[in-house]
């Protein structure tokens, strides 16, 4: 029995990718690391809530 199905794995991968990109861009813009963590968390949350609705 697999731990994740393919749809869940795609959603988690895209959420991690979005969080990494947003966090990196926030740090590159000169913000501090707490702001970058909040921005990355927000981006991951948006992807995790929106992507399953689009994948139906």
N, C-alpha and C. Protein backbone atom coordinates (compact mmCIF):
# COMPACT_ATOMS: atom_id res chain seq x y z
N UNK A 1 0.84 -1.18 0.00
CA UNK A 1 0.00 0.00 0.00
C UNK A 1 0.89 1.25 0.00
N UNK A 2 0.76 2.10 -1.01
CA UNK A 2 1.62 3.28 -1.09
C UNK A 2 1.24 4.33 -0.05
N UNK A 3 2.21 5.10 0.35
CA UNK A 3 1.99 6.14 1.34
C UNK A 3 1.20 7.31 0.74
N UNK A 4 1.53 7.69 -0.51
CA UNK A 4 0.85 8.78 -1.19
C UNK A 4 0.38 8.30 -2.55
N UNK A 5 -0.73 8.83 -3.01
CA UNK A 5 -1.09 8.59 -4.40
C UNK A 5 -0.43 9.66 -5.27
N UNK A 6 -0.53 9.54 -6.55
CA UNK A 6 0.19 10.43 -7.46
C UNK A 6 -0.30 11.87 -7.34
N UNK A 7 -1.60 12.06 -7.19
CA UNK A 7 -2.14 13.41 -7.08
C UNK A 7 -1.62 14.12 -5.83
N UNK A 8 -1.57 13.42 -4.72
CA UNK A 8 -1.07 14.01 -3.49
C UNK A 8 0.41 14.33 -3.61
N UNK A 9 1.15 13.46 -4.23
CA UNK A 9 2.58 13.69 -4.41
C UNK A 9 2.84 14.90 -5.31
N UNK A 10 2.06 15.06 -6.35
CA UNK A 10 2.19 16.23 -7.23
C UNK A 10 1.85 17.50 -6.46
N UNK A 11 0.79 17.48 -5.68
CA UNK A 11 0.39 18.66 -4.91
C UNK A 11 1.46 19.04 -3.90
N UNK A 12 2.01 18.07 -3.19
CA UNK A 12 3.06 18.36 -2.21
C UNK A 12 4.33 18.88 -2.88
N UNK A 13 4.68 18.31 -4.03
CA UNK A 13 5.87 18.76 -4.75
C UNK A 13 5.71 20.20 -5.23
N UNK A 14 4.56 20.51 -5.77
CA UNK A 14 4.32 21.88 -6.23
C UNK A 14 4.26 22.88 -5.07
N UNK A 15 3.73 22.46 -3.94
CA UNK A 15 3.69 23.33 -2.77
C UNK A 15 5.10 23.61 -2.26
N UNK A 16 5.94 22.58 -2.21
CA UNK A 16 7.32 22.79 -1.78
C UNK A 16 8.10 23.66 -2.77
N UNK A 17 7.86 23.46 -4.04
CA UNK A 17 8.52 24.27 -5.05
C UNK A 17 8.10 25.73 -4.95
N UNK A 18 6.81 25.98 -4.79
CA UNK A 18 6.32 27.35 -4.65
C UNK A 18 6.88 28.00 -3.39
N UNK A 19 6.92 27.26 -2.30
CA UNK A 19 7.45 27.80 -1.05
C UNK A 19 8.94 28.13 -1.18
N UNK A 20 9.69 27.29 -1.84
CA UNK A 20 11.13 27.54 -2.02
C UNK A 20 11.36 28.77 -2.90
N UNK A 21 10.60 28.88 -3.97
CA UNK A 21 10.78 30.02 -4.88
C UNK A 21 10.40 31.32 -4.18
N UNK A 22 9.26 31.34 -3.52
CA UNK A 22 8.82 32.57 -2.84
C UNK A 22 9.77 32.93 -1.70
N UNK A 23 10.21 31.95 -0.95
CA UNK A 23 11.16 32.22 0.13
C UNK A 23 12.47 32.78 -0.40
N UNK A 24 12.97 32.20 -1.49
CA UNK A 24 14.21 32.70 -2.09
C UNK A 24 14.06 34.10 -2.65
N UNK A 25 12.95 34.36 -3.31
CA UNK A 25 12.73 35.70 -3.86
C UNK A 25 12.56 36.74 -2.75
N UNK A 26 11.93 36.34 -1.66
CA UNK A 26 11.76 37.26 -0.54
C UNK A 26 13.11 37.59 0.09
N UNK A 27 13.95 36.58 0.25
CA UNK A 27 15.29 36.84 0.79
C UNK A 27 16.13 37.67 -0.18
N UNK A 28 15.99 37.41 -1.48
CA UNK A 28 16.74 38.18 -2.47
C UNK A 28 16.30 39.63 -2.51
N UNK A 29 15.07 39.89 -2.14
CA UNK A 29 14.56 41.26 -2.12
C UNK A 29 15.07 42.04 -0.92
N UNK A 30 15.74 41.37 0.00
CA UNK A 30 16.34 42.05 1.13
C UNK A 30 15.55 41.94 2.42
N UNK A 31 14.53 41.15 2.45
CA UNK A 31 13.74 40.96 3.68
C UNK A 31 14.48 40.01 4.62
N UNK A 32 14.12 40.04 5.86
CA UNK A 32 14.73 39.16 6.85
C UNK A 32 14.18 37.74 6.74
N UNK A 33 14.84 36.83 7.43
CA UNK A 33 14.42 35.44 7.31
C UNK A 33 13.04 35.17 7.91
N UNK A 34 12.60 35.89 8.99
CA UNK A 34 11.23 35.60 9.46
C UNK A 34 10.17 35.97 8.41
N UNK A 35 10.40 37.05 7.71
CA UNK A 35 9.47 37.44 6.66
C UNK A 35 9.48 36.44 5.52
N UNK A 36 10.66 35.94 5.17
CA UNK A 36 10.75 34.94 4.10
C UNK A 36 10.05 33.65 4.49
N UNK A 37 10.16 33.24 5.76
CA UNK A 37 9.47 32.03 6.21
C UNK A 37 7.96 32.21 6.16
N UNK A 38 7.48 33.38 6.56
CA UNK A 38 6.04 33.63 6.50
C UNK A 38 5.55 33.65 5.05
N UNK A 39 6.32 34.28 4.17
CA UNK A 39 5.92 34.33 2.76
C UNK A 39 5.93 32.93 2.14
N UNK A 40 6.94 32.15 2.46
CA UNK A 40 7.01 30.78 1.92
C UNK A 40 5.88 29.92 2.45
N UNK A 41 5.57 30.06 3.72
CA UNK A 41 4.45 29.32 4.28
C UNK A 41 3.12 29.70 3.66
N UNK A 42 2.96 31.00 3.39
CA UNK A 42 1.74 31.46 2.72
C UNK A 42 1.63 30.92 1.32
N UNK A 43 2.73 30.89 0.61
CA UNK A 43 2.71 30.36 -0.76
C UNK A 43 2.40 28.87 -0.76
N UNK A 44 2.99 28.14 0.15
CA UNK A 44 2.70 26.71 0.25
C UNK A 44 1.25 26.45 0.60
N UNK A 45 0.70 27.27 1.49
CA UNK A 45 -0.70 27.11 1.89
C UNK A 45 -1.64 27.38 0.71
N UNK A 46 -1.34 28.42 -0.05
CA UNK A 46 -2.18 28.75 -1.21
C UNK A 46 -2.16 27.61 -2.22
N UNK A 47 -0.99 27.06 -2.47
CA UNK A 47 -0.90 25.96 -3.43
C UNK A 47 -1.63 24.72 -2.91
N UNK A 48 -1.45 24.40 -1.63
CA UNK A 48 -2.09 23.21 -1.08
C UNK A 48 -3.61 23.33 -1.01
N UNK A 49 -4.13 24.55 -0.86
CA UNK A 49 -5.58 24.70 -0.83
C UNK A 49 -6.18 24.85 -2.22
N UNK A 50 -5.44 25.45 -3.14
CA UNK A 50 -5.99 25.70 -4.46
C UNK A 50 -5.79 24.59 -5.47
N UNK A 51 -4.67 23.92 -5.40
CA UNK A 51 -4.35 22.92 -6.41
C UNK A 51 -5.28 21.71 -6.40
N UNK A 52 -5.66 21.17 -5.25
CA UNK A 52 -6.59 20.03 -5.30
C UNK A 52 -7.95 20.40 -5.93
N UNK A 53 -8.36 21.65 -5.77
CA UNK A 53 -9.60 22.07 -6.41
C UNK A 53 -9.46 22.09 -7.93
N UNK A 54 -8.27 22.43 -8.41
CA UNK A 54 -8.03 22.46 -9.84
C UNK A 54 -7.81 21.07 -10.42
N UNK A 55 -7.40 20.12 -9.61
CA UNK A 55 -7.08 18.78 -10.09
C UNK A 55 -8.28 17.85 -10.15
N UNK A 56 -9.45 18.33 -9.81
CA UNK A 56 -10.65 17.48 -9.81
C UNK A 56 -11.05 17.06 -11.19
